[in-house]
PDB file of N, CA and C in Angstrom:
ATOM      1  N   MET A   1     -16.479  -4.272  -6.516  1.00  0.00           N
ATOM      2  CA  MET A   1     -15.682  -5.480  -6.531  1.00  0.00           C
ATOM      3  C   MET A   1     -15.085  -5.754  -5.150  1.00  0.00           C
ATOM      4  N   MET A   2     -14.695  -4.707  -4.442  1.00  0.00           N
ATOM      5  CA  MET A   2     -14.092  -4.890  -3.129  1.00  0.00           C
ATOM      6  C   MET A   2     -15.080  -5.521  -2.150  1.00  0.00           C
ATOM      7  N   GLU A   3     -16.289  -4.999  -2.132  1.00  0.00           N
ATOM      8  CA  GLU A   3     -17.306  -5.525  -1.216  1.00  0.00           C
ATOM      9  C   GLU A   3     -17.608  -6.996  -1.527  1.00  0.00           C
ATOM     10  N   GLU A   4     -17.728  -7.306  -2.804  1.00  0.00           N
ATOM     11  CA  GLU A   4     -17.991  -8.690  -3.219  1.00  0.00           C
ATOM     12  C   GLU A   4     -16.847  -9.614  -2.794  1.00  0.00           C
ATOM     13  N   ALA A   5     -15.626  -9.171  -2.996  1.00  0.00           N
ATOM     14  CA  ALA A   5     -14.466  -9.989  -2.620  1.00  0.00           C
ATOM     15  C   ALA A   5     -14.419 -10.204  -1.111  1.00  0.00           C
ATOM     16  N   LEU A   6     -14.670  -9.165  -0.336  1.00  0.00           N
ATOM     17  CA  LEU A   6     -14.662  -9.313   1.122  1.00  0.00           C
ATOM     18  C   LEU A   6     -15.745 -10.283   1.588  1.00  0.00           C
ATOM     19  N   GLN A   7     -16.912 -10.204   0.972  1.00  0.00           N
ATOM     20  CA  GLN A   7     -17.983 -11.135   1.331  1.00  0.00           C
ATOM     21  C   GLN A   7     -17.582 -12.572   1.000  1.00  0.00           C
ATOM     22  N   GLN A   8     -16.928 -12.767  -0.131  1.00  0.00           N
ATOM     23  CA  GLN A   8     -16.489 -14.107  -0.517  1.00  0.00           C
ATOM     24  C   GLN A   8     -15.407 -14.624   0.436  1.00  0.00           C
ATOM     25  N   ILE A   9     -14.478 -13.765   0.796  1.00  0.00           N
ATOM     26  CA  ILE A   9     -13.428 -14.158   1.744  1.00  0.00           C
ATOM     27  C   ILE A   9     -14.047 -14.534   3.084  1.00  0.00           C
ATOM     28  N   ASN A  10     -14.967 -13.711   3.567  1.00  0.00           N
ATOM     29  CA  ASN A  10     -15.620 -14.001   4.850  1.00  0.00           C
ATOM     30  C   ASN A  10     -16.366 -15.330   4.793  1.00  0.00           C
ATOM     31  N   ALA A  11     -17.048 -15.584   3.692  1.00  0.00           N
ATOM     32  CA  ALA A  11     -17.776 -16.855   3.547  1.00  0.00           C
ATOM     33  C   ALA A  11     -16.799 -18.031   3.549  1.00  0.00           C
ATOM     34  N   ALA A  12     -15.668 -17.872   2.876  1.00  0.00           N
ATOM     35  CA  ALA A  12     -14.667 -18.938   2.847  1.00  0.00           C
ATOM     36  C   ALA A  12     -14.085 -19.177   4.237  1.00  0.00           C
ATOM     37  N   LEU A  13     -13.824 -18.107   4.979  1.00  0.00           N
ATOM     38  CA  LEU A  13     -13.290 -18.243   6.340  1.00  0.00           C
ATOM     39  C   LEU A  13     -14.299 -18.930   7.258  1.00  0.00           C
ATOM     40  N   ARG A  14     -15.570 -18.504   7.175  1.00  0.00           N
ATOM     41  CA  ARG A  14     -16.612 -19.118   8.010  1.00  0.00           C
ATOM     42  C   ARG A  14     -16.775 -20.595   7.689  1.00  0.00           C
ATOM     43  N   ALA A  15     -16.795 -20.920   6.399  1.00  0.00           N
ATOM     44  CA  ALA A  15     -16.969 -22.327   5.992  1.00  0.00           C
ATOM     45  C   ALA A  15     -15.791 -23.171   6.459  1.00  0.00           C
ATOM     46  N   ALA A  16     -14.585 -22.639   6.339  1.00  0.00           N
ATOM     47  CA  ALA A  16     -13.404 -23.384   6.778  1.00  0.00           C
ATOM     48  C   ALA A  16     -13.444 -23.635   8.280  1.00  0.00           C
ATOM     49  N   ALA A  17     -13.832 -22.618   9.045  1.00  0.00           N
ATOM     50  CA  ALA A  17     -13.913 -22.767  10.500  1.00  0.00           C
ATOM     51  C   ALA A  17     -14.999 -23.771  10.882  1.00  0.00           C
ATOM     52  N   ALA A  18     -16.114 -23.739  10.173  1.00  0.00           N
ATOM     53  CA  ALA A  18     -17.226 -24.646  10.477  1.00  0.00           C
ATOM     54  C   ALA A  18     -16.875 -26.098  10.155  1.00  0.00           C
ATOM     55  N   ASP A  19     -16.076 -26.303   9.126  1.00  0.00           N
ATOM     56  CA  ASP A  19     -15.713 -27.655   8.711  1.00  0.00           C
ATOM     57  C   ASP A  19     -14.544 -28.242   9.501  1.00  0.00           C
ATOM     58  N   ALA A  20     -13.839 -27.395  10.246  1.00  0.00           N
ATOM     59  CA  ALA A  20     -12.659 -27.845  10.990  1.00  0.00           C
ATOM     60  C   ALA A  20     -13.086 -28.482  12.314  1.00  0.00           C
ATOM     61  N   PRO A  21     -12.204 -29.288  12.894  1.00  0.00           N
ATOM     62  CA  PRO A  21     -12.488 -29.840  14.230  1.00  0.00           C
ATOM     63  C   PRO A  21     -12.674 -28.713  15.248  1.00  0.00           C
ATOM     64  N   ASP A  22     -13.329 -29.037  16.348  1.00  0.00           N
ATOM     65  CA  ASP A  22     -13.588 -28.035  17.395  1.00  0.00           C
ATOM     66  C   ASP A  22     -12.319 -27.821  18.222  1.00  0.00           C
ATOM     67  N   ASP A  23     -11.341 -27.230  17.584  1.00  0.00           N
ATOM     68  CA  ASP A  23     -10.047 -26.957  18.195  1.00  0.00           C
ATOM     69  C   ASP A  23      -9.547 -25.651  17.595  1.00  0.00           C
ATOM     70  N   PRO A  24      -9.226 -24.659  18.435  1.00  0.00           N
ATOM     71  CA  PRO A  24      -8.809 -23.365  17.900  1.00  0.00           C
ATOM     72  C   PRO A  24      -7.630 -23.447  16.933  1.00  0.00           C
ATOM     73  N   ALA A  25      -6.650 -24.279  17.228  1.00  0.00           N
ATOM     74  CA  ALA A  25      -5.490 -24.388  16.339  1.00  0.00           C
ATOM     75  C   ALA A  25      -5.892 -24.968  14.984  1.00  0.00           C
ATOM     76  N   ALA A  26      -6.755 -25.975  14.981  1.00  0.00           N
ATOM     77  CA  ALA A  26      -7.207 -26.580  13.727  1.00  0.00           C
ATOM     78  C   ALA A  26      -8.064 -25.592  12.938  1.00  0.00           C
ATOM     79  N   ARG A  27      -8.916 -24.846  13.641  1.00  0.00           N
ATOM     80  CA  ARG A  27      -9.743 -23.847  12.954  1.00  0.00           C
ATOM     81  C   ARG A  27      -8.871 -22.739  12.372  1.00  0.00           C
ATOM     82  N   PHE A  28      -7.851 -22.314  13.128  1.00  0.00           N
ATOM     83  CA  PHE A  28      -6.956 -21.272  12.636  1.00  0.00           C
ATOM     84  C   PHE A  28      -6.242 -21.736  11.371  1.00  0.00           C
ATOM     85  N   GLU A  29      -5.740 -22.961  11.399  1.00  0.00           N
ATOM     86  CA  GLU A  29      -5.059 -23.501  10.216  1.00  0.00           C
ATOM     87  C   GLU A  29      -6.021 -23.576   9.028  1.00  0.00           C
ATOM     88  N   ALA A  30      -7.238 -24.026   9.272  1.00  0.00           N
ATOM     89  CA  ALA A  30      -8.226 -24.127   8.198  1.00  0.00           C
ATOM     90  C   ALA A  30      -8.559 -22.747   7.624  1.00  0.00           C
ATOM     91  N   MET A  31      -8.675 -21.751   8.498  1.00  0.00           N
ATOM     92  CA  MET A  31      -8.969 -20.401   8.036  1.00  0.00           C
ATOM     93  C   MET A  31      -7.789 -19.827   7.245  1.00  0.00           C
ATOM     94  N   CYS A  32      -6.577 -20.091   7.687  1.00  0.00           N
ATOM     95  CA  CYS A  32      -5.396 -19.619   6.952  1.00  0.00           C
ATOM     96  C   CYS A  32      -5.344 -20.254   5.565  1.00  0.00           C
ATOM     97  N   ARG A  33      -5.613 -21.541   5.514  1.00  0.00           N
ATOM     98  CA  ARG A  33      -5.608 -22.233   4.213  1.00  0.00           C
ATOM     99  C   ARG A  33      -6.697 -21.669   3.295  1.00  0.00           C
ATOM    100  N   ALA A  34      -7.869 -21.406   3.848  1.00  0.00           N
ATOM    101  CA  ALA A  34      -8.966 -20.850   3.052  1.00  0.00           C
ATOM    102  C   ALA A  34      -8.598 -19.469   2.506  1.00  0.00           C
ATOM    103  N   TYR A  35      -7.941 -18.675   3.324  1.00  0.00           N
ATOM    104  CA  TYR A  35      -7.509 -17.338   2.928  1.00  0.00           C
ATOM    105  C   TYR A  35      -6.518 -17.424   1.768  1.00  0.00           C
ATOM    106  N   ILE A  36      -5.540 -18.308   1.890  1.00  0.00           N
ATOM    107  CA  ILE A  36      -4.533 -18.491   0.837  1.00  0.00           C
ATOM    108  C   ILE A  36      -5.176 -19.042  -0.429  1.00  0.00           C
ATOM    109  N   GLU A  37      -6.029 -20.048  -0.261  1.00  0.00           N
ATOM    110  CA  GLU A  37      -6.690 -20.653  -1.425  1.00  0.00           C
ATOM    111  C   GLU A  37      -7.559 -19.636  -2.157  1.00  0.00           C
ATOM    112  N   TYR A  38      -8.231 -18.764  -1.392  1.00  0.00           N
ATOM    113  CA  TYR A  38      -9.040 -17.722  -2.031  1.00  0.00           C
ATOM    114  C   TYR A  38      -8.148 -16.806  -2.864  1.00  0.00           C
ATOM    115  N   GLY A  39      -7.040 -16.376  -2.297  1.00  0.00           N
ATOM    116  CA  GLY A  39      -6.131 -15.486  -3.011  1.00  0.00           C
ATOM    117  C   GLY A  39      -5.572 -16.113  -4.272  1.00  0.00           C
ATOM    118  N   LEU A  40      -5.242 -17.396  -4.210  1.00  0.00           N
ATOM    119  CA  LEU A  40      -4.715 -18.084  -5.389  1.00  0.00           C
ATOM    120  C   LEU A  40      -5.796 -18.290  -6.457  1.00  0.00           C
ATOM    121  N   ALA A  41      -7.014 -18.553  -6.024  1.00  0.00           N
ATOM    122  CA  ALA A  41      -8.115 -18.792  -6.964  1.00  0.00           C
ATOM    123  C   ALA A  41      -8.681 -17.498  -7.547  1.00  0.00           C
ATOM    124  N   HIS A  42      -8.526 -16.385  -6.811  1.00  0.00           N
ATOM    125  CA  HIS A  42      -9.098 -15.099  -7.233  1.00  0.00           C
ATOM    126  C   HIS A  42      -8.051 -13.994  -7.111  1.00  0.00           C
ATOM    127  N   PRO A  43      -6.989 -14.048  -7.878  1.00  0.00           N
ATOM    128  CA  PRO A  43      -5.908 -13.075  -7.704  1.00  0.00           C
ATOM    129  C   PRO A  43      -6.321 -11.627  -7.935  1.00  0.00           C
ATOM    130  N   SER A  44      -7.227 -11.378  -8.860  1.00  0.00           N
ATOM    131  CA  SER A  44      -7.625  -9.988  -9.104  1.00  0.00           C
ATOM    132  C   SER A  44      -8.443  -9.435  -7.943  1.00  0.00           C
ATOM    133  N   HIS A  45      -9.306 -10.264  -7.356  1.00  0.00           N
ATOM    134  CA  HIS A  45     -10.071  -9.823  -6.185  1.00  0.00           C
ATOM    135  C   HIS A  45      -9.129  -9.567  -5.011  1.00  0.00           C
ATOM    136  N   TYR A  46      -8.199 -10.489  -4.817  1.00  0.00           N
ATOM    137  CA  TYR A  46      -7.226 -10.350  -3.723  1.00  0.00           C
ATOM    138  C   TYR A  46      -6.434  -9.045  -3.884  1.00  0.00           C
ATOM    139  N   GLU A  47      -6.031  -8.756  -5.115  1.00  0.00           N
ATOM    140  CA  GLU A  47      -5.269  -7.533  -5.371  1.00  0.00           C
ATOM    141  C   GLU A  47      -6.077  -6.292  -5.024  1.00  0.00           C
ATOM    142  N   VAL A  48      -7.321  -6.266  -5.420  1.00  0.00           N
ATOM    143  CA  VAL A  48      -8.175  -5.106  -5.137  1.00  0.00           C
ATOM    144  C   VAL A  48      -8.313  -4.886  -3.632  1.00  0.00           C
ATOM    145  N   VAL A  49      -8.495  -5.963  -2.892  1.00  0.00           N
ATOM    146  CA  VAL A  49      -8.731  -5.839  -1.454  1.00  0.00           C
ATOM    147  C   VAL A  49      -7.454  -5.558  -0.680  1.00  0.00           C
ATOM    148  N   PHE A  50      -6.358  -6.235  -1.021  1.00  0.00           N
ATOM    149  CA  PHE A  50      -5.188  -6.206  -0.154  1.00  0.00           C
ATOM    150  C   PHE A  50      -3.938  -5.543  -0.724  1.00  0.00           C
ATOM    151  N   LEU A  51      -3.848  -5.396  -2.037  1.00  0.00           N
ATOM    152  CA  LEU A  51      -2.586  -4.933  -2.600  1.00  0.00           C
ATOM    153  C   LEU A  51      -2.624  -3.542  -3.218  1.00  0.00           C
ATOM    154  N   LEU A  52      -3.785  -3.068  -3.623  1.00  0.00           N
ATOM    155  CA  LEU A  52      -3.842  -1.744  -4.218  1.00  0.00           C
ATOM    156  C   LEU A  52      -3.612  -0.689  -3.149  1.00  0.00           C
ATOM    157  N   HIS A  53      -2.832   0.291  -3.480  1.00  0.00           N
ATOM    158  CA  HIS A  53      -2.546   1.374  -2.537  1.00  0.00           C
ATOM    159  C   HIS A  53      -3.743   2.310  -2.486  1.00  0.00           C
ATOM    160  N   ALA A  54      -4.115   2.714  -1.296  1.00  0.00           N
ATOM    161  CA  ALA A  54      -5.306   3.539  -1.103  1.00  0.00           C
ATOM    162  C   ALA A  54      -5.142   4.952  -1.660  1.00  0.00           C
ATOM    163  N   ALA A  55      -3.932   5.436  -1.791  1.00  0.00           N
ATOM    164  CA  ALA A  55      -3.733   6.784  -2.320  1.00  0.00           C
ATOM    165  C   ALA A  55      -4.306   6.862  -3.727  1.00  0.00           C
ATOM    166  N   GLY A  56      -5.091   7.854  -3.944  1.00  0.00           N
ATOM    167  CA  GLY A  56      -5.672   8.032  -5.269  1.00  0.00           C
ATOM    168  C   GLY A  56      -6.976   7.284  -5.476  1.00  0.00           C
ATOM    169  N   MET A  57      -7.331   6.424  -4.544  1.00  0.00           N
ATOM    170  CA  MET A  57      -8.601   5.713  -4.657  1.00  0.00           C
ATOM    171  C   MET A  57      -9.673   6.542  -3.962  1.00  0.00           C
ATOM    172  N   PRO A  58     -10.886   6.511  -4.469  1.00  0.00           N
ATOM    173  CA  PRO A  58     -11.947   7.245  -3.778  1.00  0.00           C
ATOM    174  C   PRO A  58     -12.177   6.645  -2.390  1.00  0.00           C
ATOM    175  N   GLU A  59     -12.469   7.489  -1.453  1.00  0.00           N
ATOM    176  CA  GLU A  59     -12.688   7.023  -0.083  1.00  0.00           C
ATOM    177  C   GLU A  59     -14.018   6.284   0.002  1.00  0.00           C
ATOM    178  N   LEU A  60     -13.981   5.144   0.655  1.00  0.00           N
ATOM    179  CA  LEU A  60     -15.197   4.344   0.812  1.00  0.00           C
ATOM    180  C   LEU A  60     -15.992   4.849   2.013  1.00  0.00           C
ATOM    181  N   PRO A  61     -17.323   4.841   1.895  1.00  0.00           N
ATOM    182  CA  PRO A  61     -18.126   5.161   3.075  1.00  0.00           C
ATOM    183  C   PRO A  61     -17.866   4.130   4.172  1.00  0.00           C
ATOM    184  N   VAL A  62     -17.940   4.555   5.412  1.00  0.00           N
ATOM    185  CA  VAL A  62     -17.635   3.695   6.553  1.00  0.00           C
ATOM    186  C   VAL A  62     -18.441   2.407   6.526  1.00  0.00           C
ATOM    187  N   GLU A  63     -19.709   2.468   6.168  1.00  0.00           N
ATOM    188  CA  GLU A  63     -20.543   1.265   6.183  1.00  0.00           C
ATOM    189  C   GLU A  63     -20.064   0.226   5.165  1.00  0.00           C
ATOM    190  N   ARG A  64     -19.329   0.631   4.148  1.00  0.00           N
ATOM    191  CA  ARG A  64     -18.800  -0.319   3.166  1.00  0.00           C
ATOM    192  C   ARG A  64     -17.602  -1.088   3.708  1.00  0.00           C
ATOM    193  N   LEU A  65     -17.063  -0.638   4.840  1.00  0.00           N
ATOM    194  CA  LEU A  65     -15.914  -1.307   5.432  1.00  0.00           C
ATOM    195  C   LEU A  65     -16.317  -2.430   6.388  1.00  0.00           C
ATOM    196  N   ASP A  66     -17.610  -2.603   6.614  1.00  0.00           N
ATOM    197  CA  ASP A  66     -18.082  -3.615   7.561  1.00  0.00           C
ATOM    198  C   ASP A  66     -17.606  -5.023   7.199  1.00  0.00           C
ATOM    199  N   SER A  67     -17.555  -5.350   5.937  1.00  0.00           N
ATOM    200  CA  SER A  67     -17.117  -6.692   5.531  1.00  0.00           C
ATOM    201  C   SER A  67     -15.650  -6.915   5.880  1.00  0.00           C
ATOM    202  N   GLY A  68     -14.852  -5.877   5.762  1.00  0.00           N
ATOM    203  CA  GLY A  68     -13.449  -5.975   6.151  1.00  0.00           C
ATOM    204  C   GLY A  68     -13.293  -6.184   7.640  1.00  0.00           C
ATOM    205  N   ARG A  69     -14.108  -5.484   8.408  1.00  0.00           N
ATOM    206  CA  ARG A  69     -14.084  -5.659   9.860  1.00  0.00           C
ATOM    207  C   ARG A  69     -14.517  -7.064  10.249  1.00  0.00           C
ATOM    208  N   LEU A  70     -15.469  -7.617   9.521  1.00  0.00           N
ATOM    209  CA  LEU A  70     -15.964  -8.957   9.836  1.00  0.00           C
ATOM    210  C   LEU A  70     -14.844  -9.980   9.726  1.00  0.00           C
ATOM    211  N   SER A  71     -13.989  -9.853   8.730  1.00  0.00           N
ATOM    212  CA  SER A  71     -12.858 -10.785   8.599  1.00  0.00           C
ATOM    213  C   SER A  71     -11.982 -10.731   9.838  1.00  0.00           C
ATOM    214  N   MET A  72     -11.703  -9.534  10.306  1.00  0.00           N
ATOM    215  CA  MET A  72     -10.866  -9.383  11.490  1.00  0.00           C
ATOM    216  C   MET A  72     -11.580  -9.912  12.741  1.00  0.00           C
ATOM    217  N   GLU A  73     -12.882  -9.714  12.823  1.00  0.00           N
ATOM    218  CA  GLU A  73     -13.640 -10.215  13.967  1.00  0.00           C
ATOM    219  C   GLU A  73     -13.647 -11.739  14.001  1.00  0.00           C
ATOM    220  N   LEU A  74     -13.719 -12.382  12.839  1.00  0.00           N
ATOM    221  CA  LEU A  74     -13.674 -13.842  12.792  1.00  0.00           C
ATOM    222  C   LEU A  74     -12.360 -14.351  13.384  1.00  0.00           C
ATOM    223  N   VAL A  75     -11.261 -13.714  13.025  1.00  0.00           N
ATOM    224  CA  VAL A  75      -9.953 -14.110  13.548  1.00  0.00           C
ATOM    225  C   VAL A  75      -9.849 -13.752  15.032  1.00  0.00           C
ATOM    226  N   ALA A  76     -10.329 -12.575  15.418  1.00  0.00           N
ATOM    227  CA  ALA A  76     -10.280 -12.173  16.819  1.00  0.00           C
ATOM    228  C   ALA A  76     -11.095 -13.124  17.695  1.00  0.00           C
ATOM    229  N   ASP A  77     -12.262 -13.547  17.225  1.00  0.00           N
ATOM    230  CA  ASP A  77     -13.076 -14.504  17.978  1.00  0.00           C
ATOM    231  C   ASP A  77     -12.358 -15.841  18.128  1.00  0.00           C
ATOM    232  N   LEU A  78     -11.679 -16.255  17.078  1.00  0.00           N
ATOM    233  CA  LEU A  78     -10.919 -17.498  17.122  1.00  0.00           C
ATOM    234  C   LEU A  78      -9.800 -17.410  18.159  1.00  0.00           C
ATOM    235  N   VAL A  79      -9.085 -16.306  18.169  1.00  0.00           N
ATOM    236  CA  VAL A  79      -8.004 -16.115  19.147  1.00  0.00           C
ATOM    237  C   VAL A  79      -8.575 -16.071  20.564  1.00  0.00           C
ATOM    238  N   ALA A  80      -9.684 -15.372  20.758  1.00  0.00           N
ATOM    239  CA  ALA A  80     -10.308 -15.304  22.079  1.00  0.00           C
ATOM    240  C   ALA A  80     -10.721 -16.688  22.562  1.00  0.00           C
ATOM    241  N   ASP A  81     -11.245 -17.501  21.657  1.00  0.00           N
ATOM    242  CA  ASP A  81     -11.613 -18.879  22.014  1.00  0.00           C
ATOM    243  C   ASP A  81     -10.374 -19.672  22.417  1.00  0.00           C
ATOM    244  N   GLY A  82      -9.291 -19.493  21.660  1.00  0.00           N
ATOM    245  CA  GLY A  82      -8.043 -20.196  21.998  1.00  0.00           C
ATOM    246  C   GLY A  82      -7.493 -19.778  23.346  1.00  0.00           C
ATOM    247  N   VAL A  83      -7.579 -18.512  23.677  1.00  0.00           N
ATOM    248  CA  VAL A  83      -7.119 -18.021  24.990  1.00  0.00           C
ATOM    249  C   VAL A  83      -8.003 -18.587  26.087  1.00  0.00           C
ATOM    250  N   ALA A  84      -9.329 -18.545  25.870  1.00  0.00           N
ATOM    251  CA  ALA A  84     -10.255 -19.064  26.876  1.00  0.00           C
ATOM    252  C   ALA A  84     -10.038 -20.544  27.155  1.00  0.00           C
ATOM    253  N   ARG A  85      -9.639 -21.290  26.141  1.00  0.00           N
ATOM    254  CA  ARG A  85      -9.399 -22.723  26.319  1.00  0.00           C
ATOM    255  C   ARG A  85      -7.975 -23.022  26.797  1.00  0.00           C
ATOM    256  N   GLY A  86      -7.154 -21.996  26.898  1.00  0.00           N
ATOM    257  CA  GLY A  86      -5.794 -22.183  27.340  1.00  0.00           C
ATOM    258  C   GLY A  86      -4.856 -22.707  26.262  1.00  0.00           C
ATOM    259  N   VAL A  87      -5.315 -22.684  25.012  1.00  0.00           N
ATOM    260  CA  VAL A  87      -4.495 -23.139  23.901  1.00  0.00           C
ATOM    261  C   VAL A  87      -3.547 -22.045  23.432  1.00  0.00           C
ATOM    262  N   LEU A  88      -3.995 -20.812  23.540  1.00  0.00           N
ATOM    263  CA  LEU A  88      -3.196 -19.644  23.148  1.00  0.00           C
ATOM    264  C   LEU A  88      -2.973 -18.752  24.376  1.00  0.00           C
ATOM    265  N   ARG A  89      -1.838 -18.081  24.354  1.00  0.00           N
ATOM    266  CA  ARG A  89      -1.572 -17.128  25.445  1.00  0.00           C
ATOM    267  C   ARG A  89      -1.340 -15.766  24.888  1.00  0.00           C
TER     268      ARG A  89
END
């Protein structure tokens, strides 16, 4: 369920960024809205990914964490674009 939820979140973030104007601030806002909307529409998935405490959960193999890293890379790329354009410091 975690892997599926992360893939869905990543798809929502990518779609929001693609549909937004070519402006880092607008893309960031669109991605934030997509993230919130996903959590509201899929509360159980959101809970599994972000709210369950890792203690007592079986450890995931490193390769299963790639989807989680992708979410962070999408945001990091957005910030890097904003810095390069002088919109963010």
